[in-house]
């Protein structure tokens, strides 16, 4: 957690510095940044501390700690990532699907989320803003796609090969020997000629993690809204309704 705050501080100051530089550039265009370099300095008891860096961190740590320690809600159980399914990947995928249902006129047909897009576990009990930043540490943005049924089947085939990942609860996928045996959405088989509304993140929409078929999407809309932000909003909304954050293993992906 300590290193997340340090990197967060450094990135924030870099943005401010660059902004200040742009303003100065108008007055003195003969100056330009030609190189930026740095290194990670671990501050622990074994290696000792870097006094200058420690003072730099302490200057901002109090404010950041106050913000990140804000309690957003409560989790009914400990959640971690994993495949073919897990409490954490199921939770994330279902929240993404719910977001798509609200944003798209005809709703979302399915959502996809990679396992390693989760960088920490979600604790049981109080959930802080810092917990959400730890789990969703990447600035992945929610991306809405229109995908032909034939390409959607290819995505499910990739899921079968990799042994599962995050997928919304309305999907039921069965794989055997890393091959797709069957798949349904809301109890219906995939129509290869139909166009489906998909919710995912930009990383997968770009074809990473075996999702090459998504590159052939009929349309793509990167919302610019981070996955982390919609997860934070979800926790706040559940709390406002007096609900805890919960998830379940429901057999949405079965590896025989």
C-alpha atoms as a PDB file:
ATOM      1  CA  UNK A   1       0.000   0.000   0.000  1.00  0.00           C
ATOM      2  CA  UNK A   2       2.903   2.323   0.824  1.00  0.00           C
ATOM      3  CA  UNK A   3       4.305   2.099  -2.686  1.00  0.00           C
ATOM      4  CA  UNK A   4       0.903   2.801  -4.264  1.00  0.00           C
ATOM      5  CA  UNK A   5       0.732   6.119  -2.397  1.00  0.00           C
ATOM      6  CA  UNK A   6       4.305   7.009  -3.430  1.00  0.00           C
ATOM      7  CA  UNK A   7       3.587   6.304  -7.089  1.00  0.00           C
ATOM      8  CA  UNK A   8       0.284   8.164  -6.820  1.00  0.00           C
ATOM      9  CA  UNK A   9       2.076  11.215  -5.389  1.00  0.00           C
ATOM     10  CA  UNK A  10       4.812  11.119  -8.012  1.00  0.00           C
ATOM     11  CA  UNK A  11       2.350  10.805 -10.891  1.00  0.00           C
ATOM     12  CA  UNK A  12       0.254  13.673  -9.528  1.00  0.00           C
ATOM     13  CA  UNK A  13       3.284  15.942  -9.182  1.00  0.00           C
ATOM     14  CA  UNK A  14       4.452  15.001 -12.679  1.00  0.00           C
ATOM     15  CA  UNK A  15       1.103  16.137 -14.104  1.00  0.00           C
ATOM     16  CA  UNK A  16       1.307  19.397 -12.160  1.00  0.00           C
ATOM     17  CA  UNK A  17       4.922  19.912 -13.234  1.00  0.00           C
ATOM     18  CA  UNK A  18       4.081  19.308 -16.884  1.00  0.00           C
ATOM     19  CA  UNK A  19       1.134  21.681 -16.630  1.00  0.00           C
ATOM     20  CA  UNK A  20       3.335  24.342 -15.080  1.00  0.00           C
ATOM     21  CA  UNK A  21       5.933  23.754 -17.752  1.00  0.00           C
ATOM     22  CA  UNK A  22       3.388  24.276 -20.545  1.00  0.00           C
ATOM     23  CA  UNK A  23       2.490  27.642 -19.067  1.00  0.00           C
ATOM     24  CA  UNK A  24       6.137  28.593 -18.791  1.00  0.00           C
ATOM     25  CA  UNK A  25       6.796  27.341 -22.312  1.00  0.00           C
ATOM     26  CA  UNK A  26       4.680  30.139 -23.753  1.00  0.00           C
ATOM     27  CA  UNK A  27       6.995  32.676 -22.162  1.00  0.00           C
ATOM     28  CA  UNK A  28      10.258  30.867 -22.797  1.00  0.00           C
ATOM     29  CA  UNK A  29       9.863  28.432 -25.730  1.00  0.00           C
ATOM     30  CA  UNK A  30      13.638  27.977 -25.984  1.00  0.00           C
ATOM     31  CA  UNK A  31      13.512  25.562 -23.023  1.00  0.00           C
ATOM     32  CA  UNK A  32      12.268  21.996 -23.401  1.00  0.00           C
ATOM     33  CA  UNK A  33      12.231  18.781 -21.372  1.00  0.00           C
ATOM     34  CA  UNK A  34      14.444  16.325 -23.207  1.00  0.00           C
ATOM     35  CA  UNK A  35      14.713  13.570 -20.640  1.00  0.00           C
ATOM     36  CA  UNK A  36      13.026  12.370 -17.455  1.00  0.00           C
ATOM     37  CA  UNK A  37      14.535   9.586 -15.387  1.00  0.00           C
ATOM     38  CA  UNK A  38      14.096   8.127 -11.932  1.00  0.00           C
ATOM     39  CA  UNK A  39      14.401   5.061  -9.790  1.00  0.00           C
ATOM     40  CA  UNK A  40      12.448   3.220  -7.126  1.00  0.00           C
ATOM     41  CA  UNK A  41      13.890   3.649  -3.645  1.00  0.00           C
ATOM     42  CA  UNK A  42      12.537   1.122  -1.162  1.00  0.00           C
ATOM     43  CA  UNK A  43      12.014   2.579   2.286  1.00  0.00           C
ATOM     44  CA  UNK A  44      12.093  -0.222   4.816  1.00  0.00           C
ATOM     45  CA  UNK A  45      13.870  -1.074   8.017  1.00  0.00           C
ATOM     46  CA  UNK A  46      16.215  -3.577   6.394  1.00  0.00           C
ATOM     47  CA  UNK A  47      17.618  -1.154   3.816  1.00  0.00           C
ATOM     48  CA  UNK A  48      17.200   2.026   5.809  1.00  0.00           C
ATOM     49  CA  UNK A  49      15.314   5.060   4.584  1.00  0.00           C
ATOM     50  CA  UNK A  50      16.105   7.837   2.183  1.00  0.00           C
ATOM     51  CA  UNK A  51      15.602  10.941   4.322  1.00  0.00           C
ATOM     52  CA  UNK A  52      14.880  13.253   1.400  1.00  0.00           C
ATOM     53  CA  UNK A  53      12.315  10.889  -0.114  1.00  0.00           C
ATOM     54  CA  UNK A  54      10.741  10.202   3.270  1.00  0.00           C
ATOM     55  CA  UNK A  55      10.265  13.934   3.867  1.00  0.00           C
ATOM     56  CA  UNK A  56       8.761  14.249   0.389  1.00  0.00           C
ATOM     57  CA  UNK A  57       6.266  11.453   1.069  1.00  0.00           C
ATOM     58  CA  UNK A  58       5.376  12.721   4.547  1.00  0.00           C
ATOM     59  CA  UNK A  59       4.432  16.079   3.067  1.00  0.00           C
ATOM     60  CA  UNK A  60       1.465  14.481   1.283  1.00  0.00           C
ATOM     61  CA  UNK A  61       0.875  11.265   3.208  1.00  0.00           C
ATOM     62  CA  UNK A  62      -1.481  12.717   5.788  1.00  0.00           C
ATOM     63  CA  UNK A  63      -3.928  14.037   3.215  1.00  0.00           C
ATOM     64  CA  UNK A  64      -3.774  10.884   1.129  1.00  0.00           C
ATOM     65  CA  UNK A  65      -4.238   8.614   4.125  1.00  0.00           C
ATOM     66  CA  UNK A  66      -7.309  10.565   5.154  1.00  0.00           C
ATOM     67  CA  UNK A  67      -8.820  10.196   1.687  1.00  0.00           C
ATOM     68  CA  UNK A  68      -7.898   6.555   1.191  1.00  0.00           C
ATOM     69  CA  UNK A  69      -9.076   5.507   4.650  1.00  0.00           C
ATOM     70  CA  UNK A  70     -12.616   6.701   3.920  1.00  0.00           C
ATOM     71  CA  UNK A  71     -14.999   3.783   4.530  1.00  0.00           C
ATOM     72  CA  UNK A  72     -17.273   3.290   1.531  1.00  0.00           C
ATOM     73  CA  UNK A  73     -19.167   0.197   2.576  1.00  0.00           C
ATOM     74  CA  UNK A  74     -18.998  -3.332   3.916  1.00  0.00           C
ATOM     75  CA  UNK A  75     -18.209  -6.650   2.267  1.00  0.00           C
ATOM     76  CA  UNK A  76     -20.049  -9.736   3.459  1.00  0.00           C
ATOM     77  CA  UNK A  77     -17.080 -11.969   2.661  1.00  0.00           C
ATOM     78  CA  UNK A  78     -13.434 -12.137   1.692  1.00  0.00           C
ATOM     79  CA  UNK A  79     -13.040 -12.114  -2.100  1.00  0.00           C
ATOM     80  CA  UNK A  80     -10.083 -13.019  -4.274  1.00  0.00           C
ATOM     81  CA  UNK A  81      -9.444 -13.441  -7.978  1.00  0.00           C
ATOM     82  CA  UNK A  82      -9.137 -16.804  -9.709  1.00  0.00           C
ATOM     83  CA  UNK A  83     -10.337 -19.018 -12.532  1.00  0.00           C
ATOM     84  CA  UNK A  84     -12.441 -20.564 -13.908  1.00  0.00           C
ATOM     85  CA  UNK A  85     -14.501 -18.233 -11.710  1.00  0.00           C
ATOM     86  CA  UNK A  86     -14.057 -16.534  -8.356  1.00  0.00           C
ATOM     87  CA  UNK A  87     -15.983 -14.281  -6.007  1.00  0.00           C
ATOM     88  CA  UNK A  88     -13.984 -11.234  -7.033  1.00  0.00           C
ATOM     89  CA  UNK A  89     -14.025 -11.747 -10.811  1.00  0.00           C
ATOM     90  CA  UNK A  90     -17.749 -12.563 -10.637  1.00  0.00           C
ATOM     91  CA  UNK A  91     -18.458  -9.385  -8.668  1.00  0.00           C
ATOM     92  CA  UNK A  92     -16.527  -7.172 -11.082  1.00  0.00           C
ATOM     93  CA  UNK A  93     -18.093  -8.735 -14.165  1.00  0.00           C
ATOM     94  CA  UNK A  94     -21.623  -8.397 -12.776  1.00  0.00           C
ATOM     95  CA  UNK A  95     -21.107  -4.721 -11.900  1.00  0.00           C
ATOM     96  CA  UNK A  96     -19.774  -4.114 -15.423  1.00  0.00           C
ATOM     97  CA  UNK A  97     -22.834  -5.819 -16.934  1.00  0.00           C
ATOM     98  CA  UNK A  98     -25.119  -3.731 -14.731  1.00  0.00           C
ATOM     99  CA  UNK A  99     -23.342  -0.582 -15.886  1.00  0.00           C
ATOM    100  CA  UNK A 100     -23.818  -1.596 -19.520  1.00  0.00           C
ATOM    101  CA  UNK A 101     -27.503  -2.283 -18.918  1.00  0.00           C
ATOM    102  CA  UNK A 102     -27.909   1.317 -17.729  1.00  0.00           C
ATOM    103  CA  UNK A 103     -25.881   2.893 -20.521  1.00  0.00           C
ATOM    104  CA  UNK A 104     -27.118   0.958 -23.552  1.00  0.00           C
ATOM    105  CA  UNK A 105     -30.626   1.356 -24.918  1.00  0.00           C
ATOM    106  CA  UNK A 106     -31.092  -2.390 -25.360  1.00  0.00           C
ATOM    107  CA  UNK A 107     -28.902  -3.319 -22.386  1.00  0.00           C
ATOM    108  CA  UNK A 108     -25.712  -5.358 -22.386  1.00  0.00           C
ATOM    109  CA  UNK A 109     -25.664  -8.973 -23.525  1.00  0.00           C
ATOM    110  CA  UNK A 110     -22.547  -9.981 -21.574  1.00  0.00           C
ATOM    111  CA  UNK A 111     -19.450  -8.559 -19.888  1.00  0.00           C
ATOM    112  CA  UNK A 112     -15.849  -9.767 -19.929  1.00  0.00           C
ATOM    113  CA  UNK A 113     -13.084  -9.077 -17.403  1.00  0.00           C
ATOM    114  CA  UNK A 114      -9.585 -10.550 -17.155  1.00  0.00           C
ATOM    115  CA  UNK A 115      -8.476 -12.239 -13.934  1.00  0.00           C
ATOM    116  CA  UNK A 116      -5.234 -10.305 -13.494  1.00  0.00           C
ATOM    117  CA  UNK A 117      -6.981  -6.977 -13.837  1.00  0.00           C
ATOM    118  CA  UNK A 118      -7.512  -7.466 -10.092  1.00  0.00           C
ATOM    119  CA  UNK A 119      -4.315  -6.631  -8.193  1.00  0.00           C
ATOM    120  CA  UNK A 120      -5.376  -7.391  -4.609  1.00  0.00           C
ATOM    121  CA  UNK A 121      -8.035  -9.157  -2.587  1.00  0.00           C
ATOM    122  CA  UNK A 122     -11.200  -7.550  -1.249  1.00  0.00           C
ATOM    123  CA  UNK A 123     -11.388  -7.924   2.545  1.00  0.00           C
ATOM    124  CA  UNK A 124     -14.372  -9.005   4.569  1.00  0.00           C
ATOM    125  CA  UNK A 125     -15.818  -6.164   6.621  1.00  0.00           C
ATOM    126  CA  UNK A 126     -15.204  -2.473   6.045  1.00  0.00           C
ATOM    127  CA  UNK A 127     -14.196  -1.433   2.551  1.00  0.00           C
ATOM    128  CA  UNK A 128     -12.168   1.743   2.174  1.00  0.00           C
ATOM    129  CA  UNK A 129     -11.419   3.837  -0.872  1.00  0.00           C
ATOM    130  CA  UNK A 130      -7.861   2.536  -0.554  1.00  0.00           C
ATOM    131  CA  UNK A 131      -9.088  -1.057  -0.847  1.00  0.00           C
ATOM    132  CA  UNK A 132     -10.720  -0.258  -4.184  1.00  0.00           C
ATOM    133  CA  UNK A 133      -7.582   1.495  -5.424  1.00  0.00           C
ATOM    134  CA  UNK A 134      -5.545  -1.569  -4.488  1.00  0.00           C
ATOM    135  CA  UNK A 135      -7.833  -4.035  -6.286  1.00  0.00           C
ATOM    136  CA  UNK A 136      -8.366  -1.870  -9.371  1.00  0.00           C
ATOM    137  CA  UNK A 137      -4.978  -0.172  -9.511  1.00  0.00           C
ATOM    138  CA  UNK A 138      -4.911   0.090 -13.322  1.00  0.00           C
ATOM    139  CA  UNK A 139      -6.654   2.966 -15.083  1.00  0.00           C
ATOM    140  CA  UNK A 140      -8.546   0.576 -17.364  1.00  0.00           C
ATOM    141  CA  UNK A 141     -11.570   2.243 -18.940  1.00  0.00           C
ATOM    142  CA  UNK A 142     -14.999   0.749 -19.575  1.00  0.00           C
ATOM    143  CA  UNK A 143     -15.479   0.021 -23.267  1.00  0.00           C
ATOM    144  CA  UNK A 144     -18.749  -0.825 -25.007  1.00  0.00           C
ATOM    145  CA  UNK A 145     -18.588  -2.970 -28.145  1.00  0.00           C
ATOM    146  CA  UNK A 146     -20.951  -4.274 -30.765  1.00  0.00           C
ATOM    147  CA  UNK A 147     -19.721  -7.724 -31.751  1.00  0.00           C
ATOM    148  CA  UNK A 148     -20.962 -10.173 -34.348  1.00  0.00           C
ATOM    149  CA  UNK A 149     -22.162 -13.489 -32.976  1.00  0.00           C
ATOM    150  CA  UNK A 150     -19.487 -15.401 -34.881  1.00  0.00           C
ATOM    151  CA  UNK A 151     -16.774 -13.301 -33.206  1.00  0.00           C
ATOM    152  CA  UNK A 152     -18.452 -13.612 -29.814  1.00  0.00           C
ATOM    153  CA  UNK A 153     -18.207 -17.396 -30.146  1.00  0.00           C
ATOM    154  CA  UNK A 154     -14.465 -16.976 -30.782  1.00  0.00           C
ATOM    155  CA  UNK A 155     -14.215 -15.055 -27.501  1.00  0.00           C
ATOM    156  CA  UNK A 156     -15.904 -17.895 -25.653  1.00  0.00           C
ATOM    157  CA  UNK A 157     -13.574 -20.368 -27.348  1.00  0.00           C
ATOM    158  CA  UNK A 158     -10.652 -18.324 -26.030  1.00  0.00           C
ATOM    159  CA  UNK A 159     -12.189 -18.503 -22.546  1.00  0.00           C
ATOM    160  CA  UNK A 160     -12.328 -22.283 -22.867  1.00  0.00           C
ATOM    161  CA  UNK A 161      -8.654 -22.433 -23.883  1.00  0.00           C
ATOM    162  CA  UNK A 162      -7.494 -20.261 -20.989  1.00  0.00           C
ATOM    163  CA  UNK A 163      -9.635 -22.048 -18.413  1.00  0.00           C
ATOM    164  CA  UNK A 164     -12.054 -19.245 -17.672  1.00  0.00           C
ATOM    165  CA  UNK A 165     -11.968 -15.619 -16.531  1.00  0.00           C
ATOM    166  CA  UNK A 166     -14.410 -12.895 -15.541  1.00  0.00           C
ATOM    167  CA  UNK A 167     -17.845 -13.134 -17.142  1.00  0.00           C
ATOM    168  CA  UNK A 168     -21.325 -11.892 -16.191  1.00  0.00           C
ATOM    169  CA  UNK A 169     -23.785 -14.161 -14.409  1.00  0.00           C
ATOM    170  CA  UNK A 170     -26.211 -14.447 -17.335  1.00  0.00           C
ATOM    171  CA  UNK A 171     -23.618 -16.536 -19.203  1.00  0.00           C
ATOM    172  CA  UNK A 172     -23.197 -20.271 -18.872  1.00  0.00           C
ATOM    173  CA  UNK A 173     -20.055 -21.734 -20.388  1.00  0.00           C
ATOM    174  CA  UNK A 174     -18.929 -25.366 -20.329  1.00  0.00           C
ATOM    175  CA  UNK A 175     -15.483 -26.402 -21.545  1.00  0.00           C
ATOM    176  CA  UNK A 176     -13.768 -29.744 -21.835  1.00  0.00           C
ATOM    177  CA  UNK A 177     -10.102 -30.359 -22.625  1.00  0.00           C
ATOM    178  CA  UNK A 178      -9.713 -26.582 -23.267  1.00  0.00           C
ATOM    179  CA  UNK A 179     -12.387 -26.689 -25.955  1.00  0.00           C
ATOM    180  CA  UNK A 180     -15.761 -24.968 -25.869  1.00  0.00           C
ATOM    181  CA  UNK A 181     -18.488 -27.528 -25.273  1.00  0.00           C
ATOM    182  CA  UNK A 182     -21.484 -25.212 -24.875  1.00  0.00           C
ATOM    183  CA  UNK A 183     -22.339 -21.593 -24.121  1.00  0.00           C
ATOM    184  CA  UNK A 184     -25.572 -19.682 -23.582  1.00  0.00           C
ATOM    185  CA  UNK A 185     -26.564 -16.115 -22.734  1.00  0.00           C
ATOM    186  CA  UNK A 186     -29.767 -15.823 -20.754  1.00  0.00           C
ATOM    187  CA  UNK A 187     -30.438 -19.453 -21.606  1.00  0.00           C
ATOM    188  CA  UNK A 188     -30.110 -18.912 -25.363  1.00  0.00           C
ATOM    189  CA  UNK A 189     -27.410 -20.157 -27.731  1.00  0.00           C
ATOM    190  CA  UNK A 190     -25.305 -17.630 -29.635  1.00  0.00           C
ATOM    191  CA  UNK A 191     -26.705 -16.554 -33.008  1.00  0.00           C
ATOM    192  CA  UNK A 192     -23.682 -16.159 -35.312  1.00  0.00           C
ATOM    193  CA  UNK A 193     -25.508 -13.574 -37.445  1.00  0.00           C
ATOM    194  CA  UNK A 194     -26.704 -11.384 -34.572  1.00  0.00           C
ATOM    195  CA  UNK A 195     -24.940  -8.290 -33.201  1.00  0.00           C
ATOM    196  CA  UNK A 196     -24.301  -8.423 -29.440  1.00  0.00           C
ATOM    197  CA  UNK A 197     -23.624  -5.601 -26.981  1.00  0.00           C
ATOM    198  CA  UNK A 198     -20.475  -6.282 -24.977  1.00  0.00           C
ATOM    199  CA  UNK A 199     -19.074  -4.533 -21.889  1.00  0.00           C
ATOM    200  CA  UNK A 200     -15.377  -4.911 -21.205  1.00  0.00           C
ATOM    201  CA  UNK A 201     -12.261  -2.823 -20.533  1.00  0.00           C
ATOM    202  CA  UNK A 202     -10.020  -1.118 -23.081  1.00  0.00           C
ATOM    203  CA  UNK A 203      -7.203  -3.613 -22.426  1.00  0.00           C
ATOM    204  CA  UNK A 204      -9.345  -6.522 -23.627  1.00  0.00           C
ATOM    205  CA  UNK A 205     -11.064  -4.498 -26.358  1.00  0.00           C
ATOM    206  CA  UNK A 206      -7.592  -4.001 -27.849  1.00  0.00           C
ATOM    207  CA  UNK A 207      -7.306  -7.781 -28.245  1.00  0.00           C
ATOM    208  CA  UNK A 208      -5.052  -8.520 -25.285  1.00  0.00           C
ATOM    209  CA  UNK A 209      -5.222 -11.622 -23.072  1.00  0.00           C
ATOM    210  CA  UNK A 210      -6.455 -13.834 -25.902  1.00  0.00           C
ATOM    211  CA  UNK A 211      -9.317 -11.533 -26.901  1.00  0.00           C
ATOM    212  CA  UNK A 212      -8.188 -11.017 -30.514  1.00  0.00           C
ATOM    213  CA  UNK A 213     -11.739 -11.509 -31.787  1.00  0.00           C
ATOM    214  CA  UNK A 214     -12.791  -8.244 -30.115  1.00  0.00           C
ATOM    215  CA  UNK A 215     -10.601  -6.339 -32.583  1.00  0.00           C
ATOM    216  CA  UNK A 216     -13.209  -7.179 -35.223  1.00  0.00           C
ATOM    217  CA  UNK A 217     -15.977  -5.387 -33.337  1.00  0.00           C
ATOM    218  CA  UNK A 218     -18.607  -3.676 -35.478  1.00  0.00           C
ATOM    219  CA  UNK A 219     -18.368  -0.597 -33.254  1.00  0.00           C
ATOM    220  CA  UNK A 220     -16.379   0.453 -30.205  1.00  0.00           C
ATOM    221  CA  UNK A 221     -17.065   3.133 -27.607  1.00  0.00           C
ATOM    222  CA  UNK A 222     -14.401   3.788 -25.004  1.00  0.00           C
ATOM    223  CA  UNK A 223     -16.355   5.649 -22.335  1.00  0.00           C
ATOM    224  CA  UNK A 224     -13.232   7.066 -20.694  1.00  0.00           C
ATOM    225  CA  UNK A 225     -14.696   6.048 -17.324  1.00  0.00           C
ATOM    226  CA  UNK A 226     -12.391   3.816 -15.329  1.00  0.00           C
ATOM    227  CA  UNK A 227     -13.435   0.433 -14.026  1.00  0.00           C
ATOM    228  CA  UNK A 228     -12.252   1.613 -10.616  1.00  0.00           C
ATOM    229  CA  UNK A 229     -14.709   4.521 -10.682  1.00  0.00           C
ATOM    230  CA  UNK A 230     -17.739   2.377 -11.476  1.00  0.00           C
ATOM    231  CA  UNK A 231     -16.741  -0.077  -8.729  1.00  0.00           C
ATOM    232  CA  UNK A 232     -16.415   2.790  -6.238  1.00  0.00           C
ATOM    233  CA  UNK A 233     -19.811   4.154  -7.302  1.00  0.00           C
ATOM    234  CA  UNK A 234     -21.326   0.680  -6.965  1.00  0.00           C
ATOM    235  CA  UNK A 235     -20.079   0.264  -3.403  1.00  0.00           C
ATOM    236  CA  UNK A 236     -21.405   3.711  -2.480  1.00  0.00           C
ATOM    237  CA  UNK A 237     -24.805   2.948  -4.031  1.00  0.00           C
ATOM    238  CA  UNK A 238     -25.119  -0.398  -2.249  1.00  0.00           C
ATOM    239  CA  UNK A 239     -24.220   1.256   1.035  1.00  0.00           C
ATOM    240  CA  UNK A 240     -26.806   3.997   0.493  1.00  0.00           C
ATOM    241  CA  UNK A 241     -29.403   1.235   0.049  1.00  0.00           C
ATOM    242  CA  UNK A 242     -28.300  -0.437   3.272  1.00  0.00           C
ATOM    243  CA  UNK A 243     -26.742  -3.398   1.455  1.00  0.00           C
ATOM    244  CA  UNK A 244     -23.409  -5.149   1.839  1.00  0.00           C
ATOM    245  CA  UNK A 245     -21.168  -6.050  -1.081  1.00  0.00           C
ATOM    246  CA  UNK A 246     -21.550  -9.736  -1.858  1.00  0.00           C
ATOM    247  CA  UNK A 247     -20.791 -12.257  -4.570  1.00  0.00           C
ATOM    248  CA  UNK A 248     -21.320 -15.938  -5.251  1.00  0.00           C
ATOM    249  CA  UNK A 249     -19.948 -18.886  -7.174  1.00  0.00           C
ATOM    250  CA  UNK A 250     -22.854 -19.870  -9.385  1.00  0.00           C
ATOM    251  CA  UNK A 251     -21.426 -22.222 -11.979  1.00  0.00           C
ATOM    252  CA  UNK A 252     -21.294 -19.638 -14.754  1.00  0.00           C
ATOM    253  CA  UNK A 253     -18.111 -21.329 -16.004  1.00  0.00           C
ATOM    254  CA  UNK A 254     -17.625 -25.091 -15.719  1.00  0.00           C
ATOM    255  CA  UNK A 255     -14.419 -26.833 -16.710  1.00  0.00           C
ATOM    256  CA  UNK A 256     -15.067 -30.566 -17.031  1.00  0.00           C
END
